[in-house]
Amino acid sequence: MTSLKVEKTSSAAERESKNGLATPAVRKFLGRIGTTVFVALVLAFFAIPILWLVFAPFDAHPSMNVKLPEFTLKNFAVLFGDSSALSSLRNSVVLAAGTMVIVLIFGSIASYALSRVRIPGREFLLYSLLLLSSIITGTAAMVPIFLLMVRLNLIDSQLGVILVLSAGMLPTVIFILKDFMDSTPKSYEESARLYGAKPLRILWDVVIPIARPGLATISVWAVVQVWGNFLMPFILLTSPDKTPAAVIMYTFYTQGGQPNLALISAFSLVFSFPVILMYFFVSRRYGFRFHGGIKS
């Protein structure tokens, strides 16, 4: 009986192979091939825009296709000869730096206070702020924000844009930094209090150095959020000399009304460099962390 079963099993396997049915090993191999092809297609989908950004600025005749460039530096000469493009980069730096400073200062103070002061419903308040900031985005609140800026006389003011962008980021910043504040050993603060240090002094000299990786992460995140923001500056700023780079890029057209790809490609490459350099500097110096520091 045993030999008969073995013969039936072998004959069934032979029939499956003859009929073209895949064995488990073949199916596994085909599955790996399918996964590899899928991953390759996804990588190509994301790599093509990056390749265009690398090649098009050095192409004498850039187009929407990715191709080896006819090497030239004329596109950059045109870019640096455009005063509005250079001034827009300075405006982007002002908006990004101002927003970063505000969210770091007020986010650190608020997260430290929420971490150390015991108030009823503290966690509910924190999660409510985070949830509301995610649901009510700047786009949804654009009309009341615009009316508020009109009442405060902050239309066409870079300070108004900085305040609006900072307010939208602060709930997330507080939520992230609070974990770093919670992870700071309270014994460090108690030692500082013995020498008469005040809360702000403790925050600056004891807590901030421990939470430095989190502050570095927040800095890059805040700059990225402002650097590519189009809607708020477009609506709140009316003067061309105050317009940031994310908005001025949409004005690069030829005299025939076609997009000026030579200027757009060169400007896009220059526009991306500050954020890339900041990312690598922070990653090398501090690393990116969204949870904190030292456990007592």
Protein backbone atom coordinates (compact mmCIF):
# COMPACT_ATOMS: atom_id res chain seq x y z
CA MET A 1 0.00 0.00 0.00
CA THR A 2 2.82 2.40 0.88
CA SER A 3 4.58 1.84 -2.43
CA LEU A 4 1.28 2.34 -4.24
CA LYS A 5 0.75 5.72 -2.52
CA VAL A 6 4.29 6.81 -3.41
CA GLU A 7 3.71 5.83 -7.02
CA LYS A 8 0.40 7.74 -7.08
CA THR A 9 2.09 10.84 -5.57
CA SER A 10 4.97 10.75 -8.02
CA SER A 11 2.63 10.20 -10.93
CA ALA A 12 0.47 13.16 -9.77
CA ALA A 13 3.58 15.38 -9.59
CA GLU A 14 4.59 14.25 -13.05
CA ARG A 15 1.13 15.05 -14.39
CA GLU A 16 1.25 18.54 -12.78
CA SER A 17 4.64 19.24 -14.33
CA LYS A 18 3.46 17.96 -17.70
CA ASN A 19 0.32 20.09 -17.48
CA GLY A 20 2.44 23.18 -16.72
CA LEU A 21 1.32 23.60 -13.08
CA ALA A 22 4.05 25.32 -11.00
CA THR A 23 5.62 23.58 -8.05
CA PRO A 24 5.96 25.53 -4.74
CA ALA A 25 9.60 26.36 -5.56
CA VAL A 26 8.67 27.74 -8.96
CA ARG A 27 5.78 29.74 -7.49
CA LYS A 28 8.14 31.23 -4.90
CA PHE A 29 10.63 32.13 -7.62
CA LEU A 30 7.93 33.77 -9.73
CA GLY A 31 6.68 35.66 -6.67
CA ARG A 32 10.15 37.07 -6.07
CA ILE A 33 10.40 38.16 -9.69
CA GLY A 34 7.01 39.87 -9.46
CA THR A 35 8.01 41.65 -6.24
CA THR A 36 11.30 42.79 -7.76
CA VAL A 37 9.57 44.14 -10.85
CA PHE A 38 6.99 46.00 -8.73
CA VAL A 39 9.67 47.58 -6.53
CA ALA A 40 11.68 48.56 -9.62
CA LEU A 41 8.64 50.27 -11.14
CA VAL A 42 7.93 52.17 -7.91
CA LEU A 43 11.57 53.30 -7.67
CA ALA A 44 11.51 54.39 -11.31
CA PHE A 45 8.33 56.39 -10.66
CA PHE A 46 10.09 58.37 -7.92
CA ALA A 47 13.51 58.47 -9.61
CA ILE A 48 12.39 60.02 -12.90
CA PRO A 49 11.59 63.49 -11.42
CA ILE A 50 14.91 63.47 -9.57
CA LEU A 51 16.79 62.56 -12.75
CA TRP A 52 14.99 65.37 -14.58
CA LEU A 53 16.01 67.78 -11.80
CA VAL A 54 19.65 66.68 -12.18
CA PHE A 55 19.89 66.69 -16.00
CA ALA A 56 17.52 69.45 -17.20
CA PRO A 57 19.36 72.44 -15.65
CA PHE A 58 22.47 71.58 -17.70
CA ASP A 59 20.60 70.97 -20.95
CA ALA A 60 20.75 73.59 -23.70
CA HIS A 61 17.23 72.60 -24.79
CA PRO A 62 15.45 71.19 -21.72
CA SER A 63 12.13 69.45 -22.16
CA MET A 64 9.73 67.44 -20.05
CA ASN A 65 11.56 64.23 -21.04
CA VAL A 66 14.49 62.74 -19.15
CA LYS A 67 17.49 62.62 -21.49
CA LEU A 68 21.22 63.14 -21.47
CA PRO A 69 21.78 66.91 -21.59
CA GLU A 70 23.50 68.99 -24.23
CA PHE A 71 25.79 70.42 -21.55
CA THR A 72 25.60 74.16 -20.93
CA LEU A 73 25.68 76.59 -18.02
CA LYS A 74 23.61 79.21 -19.80
CA ASN A 75 20.51 78.32 -17.78
CA PHE A 76 22.26 79.33 -14.55
CA ALA A 77 23.52 82.54 -16.16
CA VAL A 78 19.91 83.40 -17.01
CA LEU A 79 18.84 82.52 -13.48
CA PHE A 80 21.44 84.64 -11.72
CA GLY A 81 20.64 87.50 -14.07
CA ASP A 82 17.02 87.48 -12.89
CA SER A 83 16.84 89.73 -9.83
CA SER A 84 13.35 88.56 -8.87
CA ALA A 85 14.53 84.94 -8.62
CA LEU A 86 17.39 85.79 -6.27
CA SER A 87 15.27 88.08 -4.10
CA SER A 88 12.63 85.35 -3.82
CA LEU A 89 15.25 82.98 -2.40
CA ARG A 90 16.11 85.56 0.24
CA ASN A 91 12.43 85.92 1.06
CA SER A 92 12.14 82.14 1.47
CA VAL A 93 15.08 82.17 3.87
CA VAL A 94 13.44 84.94 5.92
CA LEU A 95 10.11 83.10 6.13
CA ALA A 96 11.71 79.72 6.91
CA ALA A 97 14.13 81.10 9.52
CA GLY A 98 11.47 83.22 11.22
CA THR A 99 9.01 80.33 11.43
CA MET A 100 11.68 77.94 12.67
CA VAL A 101 12.74 80.31 15.48
CA ILE A 102 9.15 80.90 16.62
CA VAL A 103 8.14 77.22 16.70
CA LEU A 104 11.36 76.26 18.51
CA ILE A 105 11.01 78.92 21.19
CA PHE A 106 7.30 78.65 21.90
CA GLY A 107 7.19 74.90 21.25
CA SER A 108 9.97 74.30 23.78
CA ILE A 109 8.35 76.46 26.46
CA ALA A 110 4.87 74.99 25.95
CA SER A 111 6.03 71.38 25.81
CA TYR A 112 8.16 71.86 28.94
CA ALA A 113 5.20 73.38 30.78
CA LEU A 114 2.88 70.53 29.72
CA SER A 115 5.50 68.01 30.76
CA ARG A 116 6.11 69.41 34.25
CA VAL A 117 2.83 71.04 35.30
CA ARG A 118 0.10 68.62 36.33
CA ILE A 119 -3.23 69.98 35.10
CA PRO A 120 -6.51 68.09 34.69
CA GLY A 121 -7.08 66.86 31.16
CA ARG A 122 -3.52 67.55 30.04
CA GLU A 123 -3.28 64.59 27.68
CA PHE A 124 -6.75 65.27 26.29
CA LEU A 125 -5.78 68.87 25.60
CA LEU A 126 -2.60 67.82 23.83
CA TYR A 127 -4.27 65.24 21.61
CA SER A 128 -7.16 67.61 20.89
CA LEU A 129 -4.76 70.29 19.66
CA LEU A 130 -2.98 67.77 17.46
CA LEU A 131 -6.24 66.41 16.06
CA LEU A 132 -7.73 69.82 15.36
CA SER A 133 -4.54 71.01 13.67
CA SER A 134 -4.72 67.99 11.37
CA ILE A 135 -8.42 68.35 10.55
CA ILE A 136 -8.61 72.13 10.23
CA THR A 137 -5.79 72.78 7.78
CA GLY A 138 -4.67 76.13 6.45
CA THR A 139 -6.69 75.60 3.30
CA ALA A 140 -9.91 74.98 5.21
CA ALA A 141 -9.34 77.99 7.48
CA MET A 142 -8.13 80.32 4.74
CA VAL A 143 -11.10 82.70 4.87
CA PRO A 144 -11.00 83.35 8.65
CA ILE A 145 -7.21 83.55 8.51
CA PHE A 146 -7.39 86.15 5.75
CA LEU A 147 -10.01 88.19 7.65
CA LEU A 148 -7.88 88.00 10.80
CA MET A 149 -4.82 89.26 8.91
CA VAL A 150 -6.89 92.12 7.50
CA ARG A 151 -8.05 93.10 11.02
CA LEU A 152 -4.45 92.97 12.29
CA ASN A 153 -3.19 94.93 9.28
CA LEU A 154 -0.78 92.12 8.39
CA ILE A 155 -1.72 91.65 4.73
CA ASP A 156 1.38 91.90 2.52
CA SER A 157 3.55 91.41 5.59
CA GLN A 158 6.12 88.65 5.94
CA LEU A 159 5.54 88.72 9.69
CA GLY A 160 1.89 87.81 9.09
CA VAL A 161 2.88 84.81 6.96
CA ILE A 162 5.39 83.69 9.60
CA LEU A 163 2.78 83.90 12.37
CA VAL A 164 0.18 81.96 10.38
CA LEU A 165 2.61 79.20 9.42
CA SER A 166 3.98 78.99 12.97
CA ALA A 167 0.50 78.68 14.46
CA GLY A 168 -0.28 75.77 12.16
CA MET A 169 2.89 73.90 13.15
CA LEU A 170 2.94 74.50 16.90
CA PRO A 171 0.53 71.70 17.96
CA THR A 172 2.65 69.08 16.19
CA VAL A 173 5.86 70.61 17.52
CA ILE A 174 4.54 70.59 21.11
CA PHE A 175 3.38 66.99 20.73
CA ILE A 176 6.83 65.83 19.52
CA LEU A 177 8.92 67.86 21.96
CA LYS A 178 6.87 66.84 24.99
CA ASP A 179 8.31 63.33 24.77
CA PHE A 180 11.83 64.77 24.96
CA MET A 181 10.85 66.86 27.96
CA ASP A 182 9.29 63.82 29.68
CA SER A 183 12.51 61.86 29.13
CA THR A 184 14.70 64.41 30.89
CA PRO A 185 15.56 63.09 34.40
CA LYS A 186 14.00 65.32 37.02
CA SER A 187 17.04 64.81 39.24
CA TYR A 188 18.97 67.10 36.88
CA GLU A 189 16.43 69.85 37.40
CA GLU A 190 16.39 69.34 41.16
CA SER A 191 20.17 69.74 41.23
CA ALA A 192 19.85 72.99 39.28
CA ARG A 193 17.17 74.26 41.68
CA LEU A 194 19.54 73.70 44.62
CA TYR A 195 21.81 76.31 43.05
CA GLY A 196 18.89 78.74 42.68
CA ALA A 197 18.17 78.28 38.97
CA LYS A 198 14.82 79.55 37.72
CA PRO A 199 12.54 77.49 35.42
CA LEU A 200 13.63 79.27 32.24
CA ARG A 201 17.27 78.88 33.24
CA ILE A 202 16.70 75.17 33.86
CA LEU A 203 15.01 74.83 30.50
CA TRP A 204 17.89 76.54 28.69
CA ASP A 205 20.83 74.94 30.52
CA VAL A 206 19.49 71.49 31.43
CA VAL A 207 16.55 70.43 29.28
CA ILE A 208 17.43 71.99 25.91
CA PRO A 209 20.86 70.28 25.61
CA ILE A 210 19.25 66.88 26.22
CA ALA A 211 16.42 67.59 23.78
CA ARG A 212 18.80 68.86 21.09
CA PRO A 213 18.16 65.96 18.64
CA GLY A 214 14.43 66.65 18.80
CA LEU A 215 14.98 70.37 18.27
CA ALA A 216 17.18 69.63 15.27
CA THR A 217 14.47 67.39 13.79
CA ILE A 218 11.84 70.06 14.35
CA SER A 219 14.10 72.66 12.73
CA VAL A 220 14.44 70.69 9.49
CA TRP A 221 10.75 69.79 9.47
CA ALA A 222 9.70 73.44 9.98
CA VAL A 223 12.02 74.69 7.23
CA VAL A 224 10.73 72.07 4.79
CA GLN A 225 7.11 72.97 5.56
CA VAL A 226 7.73 76.66 4.90
CA TRP A 227 10.20 76.26 2.02
CA GLY A 228 7.71 74.62 -0.30
CA ASN A 229 4.57 76.35 0.96
CA PHE A 230 2.69 78.07 -1.86
CA LEU A 231 -0.83 78.88 -0.66
CA MET A 232 -0.25 81.11 2.37
CA PRO A 233 2.38 83.41 0.81
CA PHE A 234 0.41 83.54 -2.43
CA ILE A 235 -2.72 84.79 -0.67
CA LEU A 236 -1.23 86.95 2.08
CA LEU A 237 1.59 88.62 0.12
CA THR A 238 0.84 91.00 -2.74
CA SER A 239 4.18 92.73 -3.37
CA PRO A 240 6.50 90.94 -5.83
CA ASP A 241 9.56 91.97 -3.80
CA LYS A 242 8.22 90.01 -0.78
CA THR A 243 7.22 86.87 -2.70
CA PRO A 244 9.10 83.66 -1.76
CA ALA A 245 10.63 81.23 -4.22
CA ALA A 246 7.76 78.72 -4.07
CA VAL A 247 5.45 81.39 -5.50
CA ILE A 248 7.78 83.18 -7.92
CA MET A 249 8.50 79.89 -9.67
CA TYR A 250 5.00 79.93 -11.13
CA THR A 251 5.75 83.19 -12.98
CA PHE A 252 8.57 81.81 -15.14
CA TYR A 253 7.09 81.91 -18.65
CA THR A 254 8.48 82.76 -22.05
CA GLN A 255 7.18 85.66 -24.12
CA GLY A 256 5.01 83.16 -25.99
CA GLY A 257 3.28 82.11 -22.77
CA GLN A 258 5.03 78.74 -22.49
CA PRO A 259 6.76 77.57 -19.29
CA ASN A 260 10.41 78.62 -19.36
CA LEU A 261 11.90 75.19 -18.66
CA ALA A 262 15.48 76.46 -18.78
CA LEU A 263 14.82 78.93 -15.96
CA ILE A 264 12.46 76.61 -14.05
CA SER A 265 14.90 73.67 -14.06
CA ALA A 266 17.90 75.74 -12.97
CA PHE A 267 15.85 77.51 -10.30
CA SER A 268 14.45 74.19 -9.02
CA LEU A 269 17.95 72.78 -8.55
CA VAL A 270 19.17 75.87 -6.69
CA PHE A 271 15.91 75.99 -4.73
CA SER A 272 16.36 72.42 -3.44
CA PHE A 273 19.99 72.79 -2.31
CA PRO A 274 19.49 74.62 1.04
CA VAL A 275 17.04 72.01 2.36
CA ILE A 276 19.23 69.12 1.18
CA LEU A 277 22.33 70.59 2.82
CA MET A 278 20.43 71.27 6.05
CA TYR A 279 19.11 67.71 6.07
CA PHE A 280 22.56 66.15 5.71
CA PHE A 281 24.10 68.49 8.29
CA VAL A 282 21.45 67.73 10.91
CA SER A 283 21.44 64.01 10.11
CA ARG A 284 25.22 63.80 10.50
CA ARG A 285 25.43 66.02 13.58
CA TYR A 286 22.36 64.98 15.57
CA GLY A 287 20.40 62.31 13.71
CA PHE A 288 16.64 62.44 13.28
CA ARG A 289 14.65 61.39 16.33
CA PHE A 290 11.01 61.84 17.24
CA HIS A 291 11.29 60.46 20.77
CA GLY A 292 13.48 61.58 23.57
CA GLY A 293 16.48 61.45 25.27
CA ILE A 294 17.67 60.04 28.59
CA LYS A 295 15.76 57.73 30.89
CA SER A 296 16.44 58.18 34.58
